Amino acid sequence: MELHSWYLYTTVAFLTIISPGPAVLLAITNGLQHNLRSVVFSSIGNILGLFCLSSVSMLGLGAILHTSATIFFIMKLIGASYLIYLGIKQFRNVSNIFEVSANQIKREKDGFKIFKRGFLICVTNPKPIIFFTAIFPLFMNANAAIFPQFLIMTFTFMFISFSTLFTYAYFARYFKFWFSNNFRVNLFNRISGAIFVLLGFGLLKMDNRT
C-alpha cells in the first residue's frame, strides 16, 4: 500500500469515525453517566466488532479488485455517494450530541454488558458496514499482497475508532460546559460535513492501482 494512499485512507476513516453515530453516543453516555473505565469496555467491544466487519468484507475483496473496471467504477460511485451523503447530513445537522445523549441509554455498571453493547452496536451499525463494503476495497492495491494491506487498514481504523470514542467521552465528561455552546458544535458539523463532500468527489479520481 502506497504511503499517499494510506494518508488518504486515514483521513477518510477519521472523518467517518468522528461523525456522531450510535458508537459515539454510547461512548459519550458512558462518559457522562459512569466513568472512563466503562468507556474502555464499550470501545474495546466496538473495535472488535470493527475487526469482524472488516474480516467479513475481506472475503469479497479479491473478487472486487480483480473483476472488470465497470464493477470497480460502480464501487467508487457507491463509496463516493456515501461520503457525500454523510457530508450533507453532517453539514445540516443542528443537534448537539453532547446534550442529547445523557438520558438515552440506560445506566449499566457491568463491564461485560457494556462490552457486549459496544460490540453489538458496532456490528449492527450501517456506517461501518457500508464503509467496509463500499469504501475499504477502493484503497487496496490489486497488484500487491492483500493480507498485509488488510491488517494495516483494519488496525488503523480500529486505533482511530478507539482513540476517537475515548476522546469524545473525555471531552463530554470534563468539558461538557464548553460544548454546550451550539455555535461551536454547528461549526464543527459544517466543517466536517464539507470535508466529507470533498473527499467523496476525491474518491472518484482513484483507480484500482493506488
Protein backbone atom coordinates (compact mmCIF):
# COMPACT_ATOMS: atom_id res chain seq x y z
CA MET A 1 0.00 0.00 0.00
CA GLU A 2 1.46 3.34 -1.07
CA LEU A 3 2.03 5.92 1.67
CA HIS A 4 -0.12 8.56 -0.03
CA SER A 5 -2.99 6.06 -0.25
CA TRP A 6 -2.64 5.32 3.45
CA TYR A 7 -2.77 9.04 4.25
CA LEU A 8 -5.95 9.44 2.22
CA TYR A 9 -7.46 6.30 3.73
CA THR A 10 -6.62 7.53 7.25
CA THR A 11 -8.29 10.87 6.53
CA VAL A 12 -11.46 9.24 5.19
CA ALA A 13 -11.53 6.77 8.09
CA PHE A 14 -11.02 9.53 10.66
CA LEU A 15 -13.82 11.69 9.28
CA THR A 16 -16.13 8.69 9.03
CA ILE A 17 -15.44 7.76 12.64
CA ILE A 18 -15.80 11.22 14.19
CA SER A 19 -19.23 11.82 12.66
CA PRO A 20 -21.71 11.25 15.51
CA GLY A 21 -23.45 7.90 15.47
CA PRO A 22 -24.51 5.10 17.84
CA ALA A 23 -20.94 4.25 18.94
CA VAL A 24 -20.17 7.90 19.70
CA LEU A 25 -23.49 8.23 21.53
CA LEU A 26 -22.66 5.20 23.69
CA ALA A 27 -19.16 6.49 24.49
CA ILE A 28 -20.45 9.92 25.46
CA THR A 29 -23.23 8.45 27.57
CA ASN A 30 -20.86 6.13 29.42
CA GLY A 31 -18.52 9.06 29.99
CA LEU A 32 -21.31 11.22 31.38
CA GLN A 33 -23.14 8.61 33.44
CA HIS A 34 -20.35 6.34 34.63
CA ASN A 35 -16.59 6.73 34.24
CA LEU A 36 -13.85 6.32 31.66
CA ARG A 37 -13.43 2.66 32.62
CA SER A 38 -16.85 1.92 31.15
CA VAL A 39 -15.81 3.81 28.01
CA VAL A 40 -12.81 1.49 27.65
CA PHE A 41 -15.07 -1.59 27.85
CA SER A 42 -17.54 -0.28 25.26
CA SER A 43 -14.74 0.93 22.97
CA ILE A 44 -13.00 -2.45 23.05
CA GLY A 45 -16.31 -4.05 22.12
CA ASN A 46 -16.63 -1.56 19.29
CA ILE A 47 -13.20 -2.18 17.76
CA LEU A 48 -13.61 -5.96 17.97
CA GLY A 49 -16.86 -5.51 16.08
CA LEU A 50 -14.97 -3.45 13.51
CA PHE A 51 -12.43 -6.26 13.11
CA CYS A 52 -15.25 -8.74 12.48
CA LEU A 53 -16.87 -6.48 9.85
CA SER A 54 -13.52 -5.88 8.16
CA SER A 55 -12.74 -9.61 8.13
CA VAL A 56 -16.08 -10.42 6.52
CA SER A 57 -15.55 -7.77 3.86
CA MET A 58 -12.08 -9.19 3.23
CA LEU A 59 -13.67 -12.36 1.85
CA GLY A 60 -15.03 -10.43 -1.11
CA LEU A 61 -12.11 -8.10 -1.74
CA GLY A 62 -10.35 -10.37 -4.20
CA ALA A 63 -13.39 -10.58 -6.43
CA ILE A 64 -13.92 -6.83 -6.29
CA LEU A 65 -10.32 -5.98 -7.08
CA HIS A 66 -9.82 -8.43 -9.92
CA THR A 67 -13.09 -8.10 -11.82
CA SER A 68 -13.89 -5.59 -14.53
CA ALA A 69 -13.24 -1.86 -14.41
CA THR A 70 -17.02 -1.39 -14.55
CA ILE A 71 -17.50 -3.17 -11.23
CA PHE A 72 -14.77 -1.10 -9.63
CA PHE A 73 -16.30 2.09 -11.02
CA ILE A 74 -19.67 1.14 -9.51
CA MET A 75 -17.98 0.58 -6.15
CA LYS A 76 -16.37 4.01 -6.44
CA LEU A 77 -19.75 5.59 -7.10
CA ILE A 78 -21.26 3.85 -4.09
CA GLY A 79 -18.39 4.85 -1.81
CA ALA A 80 -18.26 8.43 -3.06
CA SER A 81 -22.05 8.79 -2.83
CA TYR A 82 -21.98 7.54 0.75
CA LEU A 83 -19.30 10.07 1.76
CA ILE A 84 -21.20 12.89 0.07
CA TYR A 85 -24.41 11.77 1.80
CA LEU A 86 -22.65 11.76 5.19
CA GLY A 87 -21.22 15.19 4.44
CA ILE A 88 -24.58 16.74 3.59
CA LYS A 89 -26.18 15.09 6.61
CA GLN A 90 -23.39 16.31 8.88
CA PHE A 91 -23.47 19.82 7.38
CA ARG A 92 -27.21 20.12 8.01
CA ASN A 93 -27.05 18.63 11.50
CA VAL A 94 -28.09 21.19 14.13
CA SER A 95 -28.31 18.90 17.16
CA ASN A 96 -25.74 18.92 19.94
CA ILE A 97 -24.64 15.34 20.55
CA PHE A 98 -23.19 16.34 23.94
CA GLU A 99 -26.60 17.48 25.16
CA VAL A 100 -28.97 14.84 23.81
CA SER A 101 -27.01 11.76 24.85
CA ALA A 102 -27.15 11.81 28.63
CA ASN A 103 -30.56 10.19 29.12
CA GLN A 104 -30.84 8.00 26.04
CA ILE A 105 -29.06 4.86 27.28
CA LYS A 106 -29.84 3.02 30.49
CA ARG A 107 -27.23 3.09 33.25
CA GLU A 108 -25.10 -0.02 33.33
CA LYS A 109 -22.15 -0.90 35.57
CA ASP A 110 -21.43 -4.47 34.49
CA GLY A 111 -18.24 -4.45 32.38
CA PHE A 112 -19.18 -7.40 30.18
CA LYS A 113 -22.62 -5.97 29.42
CA ILE A 114 -21.04 -2.65 28.47
CA PHE A 115 -18.53 -4.50 26.26
CA LYS A 116 -21.32 -6.53 24.63
CA ARG A 117 -23.38 -3.43 23.95
CA GLY A 118 -20.42 -1.75 22.27
CA PHE A 119 -19.85 -4.83 20.11
CA LEU A 120 -23.50 -5.21 19.09
CA ILE A 121 -23.91 -1.51 18.33
CA CYS A 122 -20.91 -1.73 16.02
CA VAL A 123 -21.88 -4.84 14.04
CA THR A 124 -25.43 -3.57 13.52
CA ASN A 125 -24.42 0.00 12.64
CA PRO A 126 -24.86 0.80 8.91
CA LYS A 127 -21.96 3.28 8.92
CA PRO A 128 -19.07 0.81 9.41
CA ILE A 129 -20.86 -1.86 7.37
CA ILE A 130 -21.08 0.45 4.37
CA PHE A 131 -17.52 1.70 4.93
CA PHE A 132 -16.01 -1.78 4.87
CA THR A 133 -18.06 -2.98 1.92
CA ALA A 134 -18.04 0.12 -0.30
CA ILE A 135 -15.03 2.28 0.65
CA PHE A 136 -12.49 -0.09 2.22
CA PRO A 137 -11.83 -2.04 -1.04
CA LEU A 138 -11.07 1.14 -3.00
CA PHE A 139 -7.79 1.64 -1.15
CA MET A 140 -6.48 -1.87 -1.79
CA ASN A 141 -3.65 -2.28 -4.31
CA ALA A 142 -4.64 -5.18 -6.53
CA ASN A 143 -1.01 -5.71 -7.57
CA ALA A 144 0.28 -6.21 -4.02
CA ALA A 145 -0.36 -8.75 -1.28
CA ILE A 146 -3.86 -8.21 0.11
CA PHE A 147 -3.46 -9.55 3.65
CA PRO A 148 -0.78 -7.05 4.83
CA GLN A 149 -2.89 -4.21 3.45
CA PHE A 150 -5.93 -5.62 5.22
CA LEU A 151 -4.05 -5.64 8.55
CA ILE A 152 -2.68 -2.12 8.13
CA MET A 153 -6.02 -0.64 7.14
CA THR A 154 -8.06 -2.55 9.71
CA PHE A 155 -5.82 -1.78 12.67
CA THR A 156 -5.56 1.84 11.55
CA PHE A 157 -9.35 2.05 11.60
CA MET A 158 -9.52 0.31 14.98
CA PHE A 159 -6.91 2.61 16.52
CA ILE A 160 -8.63 5.75 15.23
CA SER A 161 -12.00 4.47 16.42
CA PHE A 162 -10.82 3.65 19.94
CA SER A 163 -8.98 6.99 20.26
CA THR A 164 -11.92 8.95 18.92
CA LEU A 165 -14.51 7.31 21.16
CA PHE A 166 -12.32 7.82 24.22
CA THR A 167 -11.72 11.46 23.26
CA TYR A 168 -15.44 12.11 22.80
CA ALA A 169 -16.14 10.57 26.21
CA TYR A 170 -13.34 12.53 27.88
CA PHE A 171 -14.49 15.85 26.46
CA ALA A 172 -18.11 15.06 27.27
CA ARG A 173 -17.19 14.32 30.87
CA TYR A 174 -14.74 17.14 31.59
CA PHE A 175 -15.64 19.85 29.07
CA LYS A 176 -19.37 19.47 28.57
CA PHE A 177 -20.00 23.12 29.51
CA TRP A 178 -17.70 24.22 26.67
CA PHE A 179 -19.66 22.09 24.23
CA SER A 180 -22.96 23.49 25.47
CA ASN A 181 -22.29 26.33 23.04
CA ASN A 182 -24.27 25.33 19.95
CA PHE A 183 -22.28 27.70 17.73
CA ARG A 184 -19.12 25.64 18.28
CA VAL A 185 -20.94 22.38 17.62
CA ASN A 186 -22.59 23.75 14.46
CA LEU A 187 -19.23 25.00 13.20
CA PHE A 188 -17.75 21.53 13.75
CA ASN A 189 -20.69 19.95 11.88
CA ARG A 190 -20.34 22.27 8.90
CA ILE A 191 -16.57 21.98 8.56
CA SER A 192 -16.52 18.18 8.86
CA GLY A 193 -19.52 17.91 6.52
CA ALA A 194 -17.81 19.99 3.84
CA ILE A 195 -14.65 17.87 4.09
CA PHE A 196 -16.73 14.71 3.69
CA VAL A 197 -18.20 16.02 0.45
CA LEU A 198 -14.77 16.96 -0.90
CA LEU A 199 -13.39 13.52 -0.06
CA GLY A 200 -16.37 11.93 -1.78
CA PHE A 201 -15.52 13.69 -5.01
CA GLY A 202 -11.85 12.85 -4.44
CA LEU A 203 -12.68 9.14 -4.36
CA LEU A 204 -13.98 9.36 -7.92
CA LYS A 205 -10.44 10.12 -9.10
CA MET A 206 -9.00 6.96 -7.60
CA ASP A 207 -8.18 3.83 -9.60
CA ASN A 208 -7.58 0.25 -8.51
CA ARG A 209 -3.82 0.60 -8.64
CA THR A 210 -3.49 3.06 -5.73
